[in-house]
Amino acid sequence: MLYICPATRQPHYLVESTNTMRMNKEDRRAHLIKAAMIVARREGFAQVTTRAVAQEADISLGVVHYCFQDKEELLYEMAAHTINEIISTITNSVRTTVSRTESNSMTGLSITGLEEALYSDAIRVLNETSAKAENSPLIYEIISYAFHNSNKRFQDLITRYYNSLTQLFCNYLELIAQRTAVVWSMDLNQLASVIVDLMHGYLLRHLSLRTPQKPALASSADAMKVVEESLTLVIRTIVRNAEKRPVSLPLH
């Protein structure tokens, strides 16, 4: 089948493997995005090309141009896929953490106890994000790409990403405050924004300690020590804004 690419006006023959011949267009797009993510993890987000994606997906270049108007559309869909994956993974992890907390009373925890509880929750969320959101390291490349790109859709995508995480952690902090009888001295939205920023710094530090030979979290004892120390500082920064709620004295 001959197809004329609207972006280049060049003719392409649509040649597919037997695995994709029966796919509808949306399934093909999903298949190509998955292939593109593999290329991005190997080569880098900005280095993804339609030709490399076609080779990874074992289809002709024409099929890629049939499914996506141009490389920019493909990169946007990749970015959206990555961001949705991270938001979904962190949201589910936080919800699971909150559910576990419901079965364990946190009322009456000291500030030190609160710090330990937050540290435990943070480790759980970060480990699950690293394990389940395999494309999460690409978020830094996507943010950088959006910064240098004039396409407002990319910028809106990053704004939605930060707003979603900020709201998620804002809700988490509000719930923790209710269960531990503390009040936050900083505005919750501001504190949640700080958490998101600190989390990004923590993850970036973790990524800087990884190597192709040892890509796992805390691949060495020294790396684990640095990761734990960084996270401890993050948690202490958060807890510094927590104060025990004054106990109301009965009226005589």
Protein backbone atom coordinates (compact mmCIF):
# COMPACT_ATOMS: atom_id res chain seq x y z
CA MET A 1 0.00 0.00 0.00
CA LEU A 2 1.37 3.44 -1.00
CA TYR A 3 0.97 6.30 1.47
CA ILE A 4 1.82 10.01 0.97
CA CYS A 5 3.25 11.56 4.13
CA PRO A 6 1.47 14.90 4.79
CA ALA A 7 4.56 16.39 6.46
CA THR A 8 7.15 15.56 3.78
CA ARG A 9 4.84 14.90 0.82
CA GLN A 10 6.99 11.86 0.16
CA PRO A 11 5.49 8.50 -0.85
CA HIS A 12 6.06 5.53 1.46
CA TYR A 13 5.08 1.90 1.15
CA LEU A 14 3.31 0.64 4.25
CA VAL A 15 5.15 -2.56 5.11
CA GLU A 16 4.41 -4.25 8.42
CA SER A 17 5.36 -7.38 10.27
CA THR A 18 2.71 -10.04 10.70
CA ASN A 19 2.39 -8.98 14.37
CA THR A 20 0.98 -5.54 13.49
CA MET A 21 -0.90 -6.14 10.23
CA ARG A 22 -4.26 -6.67 11.97
CA MET A 23 -3.91 -3.69 14.34
CA ASN A 24 -6.19 -0.69 14.04
CA LYS A 25 -4.60 2.76 13.93
CA GLU A 26 -4.84 3.41 17.69
CA ASP A 27 -3.23 0.05 18.48
CA ARG A 28 -0.49 0.81 15.96
CA ARG A 29 0.12 4.18 17.61
CA ALA A 30 0.40 2.51 21.02
CA HIS A 31 2.78 -0.08 19.56
CA LEU A 32 4.95 2.66 18.04
CA ILE A 33 4.98 4.71 21.25
CA LYS A 34 6.19 1.63 23.12
CA ALA A 35 8.95 1.15 20.53
CA ALA A 36 9.82 4.85 20.75
CA MET A 37 10.16 4.60 24.53
CA ILE A 38 12.68 1.78 24.09
CA VAL A 39 14.68 3.97 21.71
CA ALA A 40 14.46 6.91 24.14
CA ARG A 41 15.72 4.86 27.08
CA ARG A 42 18.62 3.67 24.95
CA GLU A 43 19.53 6.81 23.01
CA GLY A 44 17.85 9.70 24.84
CA PHE A 45 14.48 11.44 24.39
CA ALA A 46 15.58 14.16 21.95
CA GLN A 47 17.52 11.62 19.86
CA VAL A 48 14.41 9.64 18.91
CA THR A 49 13.80 9.59 15.15
CA THR A 50 10.94 8.15 13.14
CA ARG A 51 13.43 5.93 11.31
CA ALA A 52 14.82 4.50 14.56
CA VAL A 53 11.28 3.86 15.81
CA ALA A 54 10.38 2.08 12.58
CA GLN A 55 13.43 -0.16 12.94
CA GLU A 56 12.66 -0.89 16.59
CA ALA A 57 9.02 -1.73 15.76
CA ASP A 58 10.05 -3.80 12.73
CA ILE A 59 7.82 -1.87 10.33
CA SER A 60 8.33 0.48 7.41
CA LEU A 61 8.90 4.20 7.88
CA GLY A 62 5.64 4.81 6.04
CA VAL A 63 3.62 3.21 8.84
CA VAL A 64 5.15 5.64 11.36
CA HIS A 65 4.23 8.62 9.17
CA TYR A 66 0.77 7.17 8.66
CA CYS A 67 0.20 7.02 12.43
CA PHE A 68 1.92 10.30 13.38
CA GLN A 69 1.93 13.53 11.44
CA ASP A 70 5.59 14.17 12.22
CA LYS A 71 8.35 13.52 14.76
CA GLU A 72 7.05 16.32 16.99
CA GLU A 73 3.69 14.61 17.41
CA LEU A 74 5.42 11.33 18.24
CA LEU A 75 7.62 13.02 20.86
CA TYR A 76 4.59 14.72 22.41
CA GLU A 77 2.72 11.43 22.70
CA MET A 78 5.82 9.84 24.24
CA ALA A 79 6.06 12.68 26.76
CA ALA A 80 2.35 12.39 27.61
CA HIS A 81 2.70 8.62 28.02
CA THR A 82 5.68 9.03 30.37
CA ILE A 83 4.00 11.70 32.48
CA ASN A 84 0.74 9.76 32.75
CA GLU A 85 2.70 6.65 33.76
CA ILE A 86 4.59 8.49 36.52
CA ILE A 87 1.49 10.26 37.86
CA SER A 88 -0.50 7.01 37.86
CA THR A 89 2.27 5.03 39.55
CA ILE A 90 2.90 7.61 42.29
CA THR A 91 -0.84 8.12 42.85
CA ASN A 92 -1.47 4.38 43.25
CA SER A 93 1.55 4.03 45.53
CA VAL A 94 0.45 6.91 47.76
CA ARG A 95 -3.09 5.52 47.94
CA THR A 96 -1.72 2.11 48.95
CA THR A 97 0.45 3.78 51.57
CA VAL A 98 -2.54 5.70 52.93
CA SER A 99 -4.60 2.50 53.08
CA ARG A 100 -1.87 0.80 55.13
CA THR A 101 -1.75 3.81 57.41
CA GLU A 102 -5.50 3.52 58.04
CA SER A 103 -4.98 0.12 59.65
CA ASN A 104 -2.21 1.45 61.91
CA SER A 105 -3.16 4.26 64.24
CA MET A 106 -0.77 7.21 64.00
CA THR A 107 -2.56 9.28 66.62
CA GLY A 108 -0.22 10.52 69.32
CA LEU A 109 2.96 10.10 67.30
CA SER A 110 5.82 12.32 68.41
CA ILE A 111 7.55 14.54 65.87
CA THR A 112 10.31 11.92 65.73
CA GLY A 113 7.71 9.24 65.11
CA LEU A 114 6.20 11.37 62.36
CA GLU A 115 9.63 11.69 60.74
CA GLU A 116 10.09 7.91 60.80
CA ALA A 117 6.61 7.32 59.35
CA LEU A 118 7.18 9.82 56.54
CA TYR A 119 10.57 8.28 55.77
CA SER A 120 9.02 4.82 55.54
CA ASP A 121 6.25 6.11 53.26
CA ALA A 122 8.75 7.96 51.07
CA ILE A 123 10.97 4.89 50.64
CA ARG A 124 7.95 2.82 49.65
CA VAL A 125 6.67 5.36 47.10
CA LEU A 126 10.10 6.00 45.56
CA ASN A 127 10.95 2.30 45.31
CA GLU A 128 7.62 1.50 43.68
CA THR A 129 8.01 4.41 41.27
CA SER A 130 11.49 3.23 40.29
CA ALA A 131 10.27 -0.35 39.85
CA LYS A 132 6.96 0.25 38.06
CA ALA A 133 7.46 3.49 36.13
CA GLU A 134 10.30 2.25 33.94
CA ASN A 135 10.31 5.47 31.91
CA SER A 136 10.52 7.79 34.93
CA PRO A 137 14.20 8.77 34.31
CA LEU A 138 13.07 10.35 31.03
CA ILE A 139 11.09 13.03 32.88
CA TYR A 140 14.22 15.15 33.24
CA GLU A 141 14.90 14.99 29.51
CA ILE A 142 11.26 15.81 28.77
CA ILE A 143 11.33 18.86 31.06
CA SER A 144 14.54 20.04 29.38
CA TYR A 145 13.05 19.44 25.93
CA ALA A 146 9.91 21.42 26.83
CA PHE A 147 12.06 24.28 28.14
CA HIS A 148 13.85 24.58 24.79
CA ASN A 149 10.73 23.94 22.70
CA SER A 150 8.34 26.67 21.56
CA ASN A 151 5.42 24.22 21.33
CA LYS A 152 3.02 25.30 24.10
CA ARG A 153 1.58 21.78 24.32
CA PHE A 154 4.84 20.53 25.84
CA GLN A 155 4.87 23.36 28.36
CA ASP A 156 1.24 22.68 29.29
CA LEU A 157 2.12 19.01 29.76
CA ILE A 158 4.86 19.85 32.26
CA THR A 159 2.53 22.25 34.09
CA ARG A 160 -0.09 19.50 34.40
CA TYR A 161 2.58 17.11 35.68
CA TYR A 162 3.70 19.44 38.47
CA ASN A 163 0.14 20.49 39.37
CA SER A 164 -1.01 16.86 39.61
CA LEU A 165 1.84 15.83 41.90
CA THR A 166 1.52 18.96 44.03
CA GLN A 167 -2.19 18.31 44.57
CA LEU A 168 -1.51 14.65 45.37
CA PHE A 169 1.06 15.47 48.07
CA CYS A 170 -1.11 18.30 49.38
CA ASN A 171 -3.91 15.78 50.00
CA TYR A 172 -1.42 13.36 51.59
CA LEU A 173 -0.06 16.00 53.99
CA GLU A 174 -3.58 17.04 54.96
CA LEU A 175 -4.48 13.44 55.77
CA ILE A 176 -1.27 12.86 57.73
CA ALA A 177 -1.94 16.03 59.75
CA GLN A 178 -5.42 14.79 60.66
CA ARG A 179 -4.16 11.37 61.74
CA THR A 180 -1.17 12.54 63.75
CA ALA A 181 -2.74 15.63 65.36
CA VAL A 182 -0.20 18.02 63.87
CA VAL A 183 -0.54 21.31 62.04
CA TRP A 184 1.70 22.47 59.22
CA SER A 185 3.29 25.88 59.73
CA MET A 186 3.69 26.36 55.98
CA ASP A 187 0.81 26.65 53.51
CA LEU A 188 0.04 23.13 52.27
CA ASN A 189 0.29 24.01 48.59
CA GLN A 190 3.70 25.58 49.16
CA LEU A 191 4.90 22.65 51.26
CA ALA A 192 3.64 20.14 48.68
CA SER A 193 5.49 22.07 45.95
CA VAL A 194 8.66 21.89 48.04
CA ILE A 195 8.19 18.11 48.36
CA VAL A 196 7.86 17.71 44.59
CA ASP A 197 11.02 19.76 44.05
CA LEU A 198 12.93 17.83 46.71
CA MET A 199 11.69 14.53 45.28
CA HIS A 200 13.02 15.50 41.86
CA GLY A 201 16.37 16.41 43.34
CA TYR A 202 16.47 13.13 45.25
CA LEU A 203 15.66 11.06 42.15
CA LEU A 204 18.20 12.96 40.07
CA ARG A 205 20.85 12.24 42.71
CA HIS A 206 19.87 8.57 42.63
CA LEU A 207 20.16 8.49 38.82
CA SER A 208 23.59 10.08 38.97
CA LEU A 209 24.80 7.17 41.11
CA ARG A 210 23.60 4.51 38.71
CA THR A 211 25.74 2.93 36.03
CA PRO A 212 24.83 0.79 33.00
CA GLN A 213 26.39 -2.15 34.83
CA LYS A 214 24.42 -1.47 38.04
CA PRO A 215 21.17 0.28 37.08
CA ALA A 216 19.18 -0.77 40.14
CA LEU A 217 18.33 1.48 43.07
CA ALA A 218 21.20 1.67 45.56
CA SER A 219 23.46 -0.55 43.46
CA SER A 220 26.25 -0.33 46.03
CA ALA A 221 26.60 0.24 49.77
CA ASP A 222 28.14 3.68 49.22
CA ALA A 223 25.34 4.67 46.84
CA MET A 224 22.73 3.43 49.31
CA LYS A 225 24.29 5.53 52.06
CA VAL A 226 24.15 8.68 49.91
CA VAL A 227 20.54 7.97 48.93
CA GLU A 228 19.48 7.42 52.56
CA GLU A 229 21.25 10.55 53.76
CA SER A 230 19.65 12.65 51.02
CA LEU A 231 16.18 11.31 51.77
CA THR A 232 16.66 11.86 55.51
CA LEU A 233 17.43 15.53 54.85
CA VAL A 234 14.34 15.81 52.65
CA ILE A 235 12.10 14.35 55.37
CA ARG A 236 13.62 16.54 58.07
CA THR A 237 12.96 19.59 55.93
CA ILE A 238 9.30 18.58 55.73
CA VAL A 239 8.93 17.69 59.43
CA ARG A 240 10.50 21.00 60.42
CA ASN A 241 7.17 22.52 59.35
CA ALA A 242 5.10 20.24 61.62
CA GLU A 243 3.85 21.27 65.05
CA LYS A 244 1.75 19.27 67.49
CA ARG A 245 -1.81 20.53 67.59
CA PRO A 246 -2.58 22.24 70.93
CA VAL A 247 -4.81 20.15 73.18
CA SER A 248 -8.01 21.94 74.11
CA LEU A 249 -8.45 22.11 77.87
CA PRO A 250 -11.91 21.33 79.27
CA LEU A 251 -13.90 24.30 80.54
CA HIS A 252 -14.59 24.37 84.32
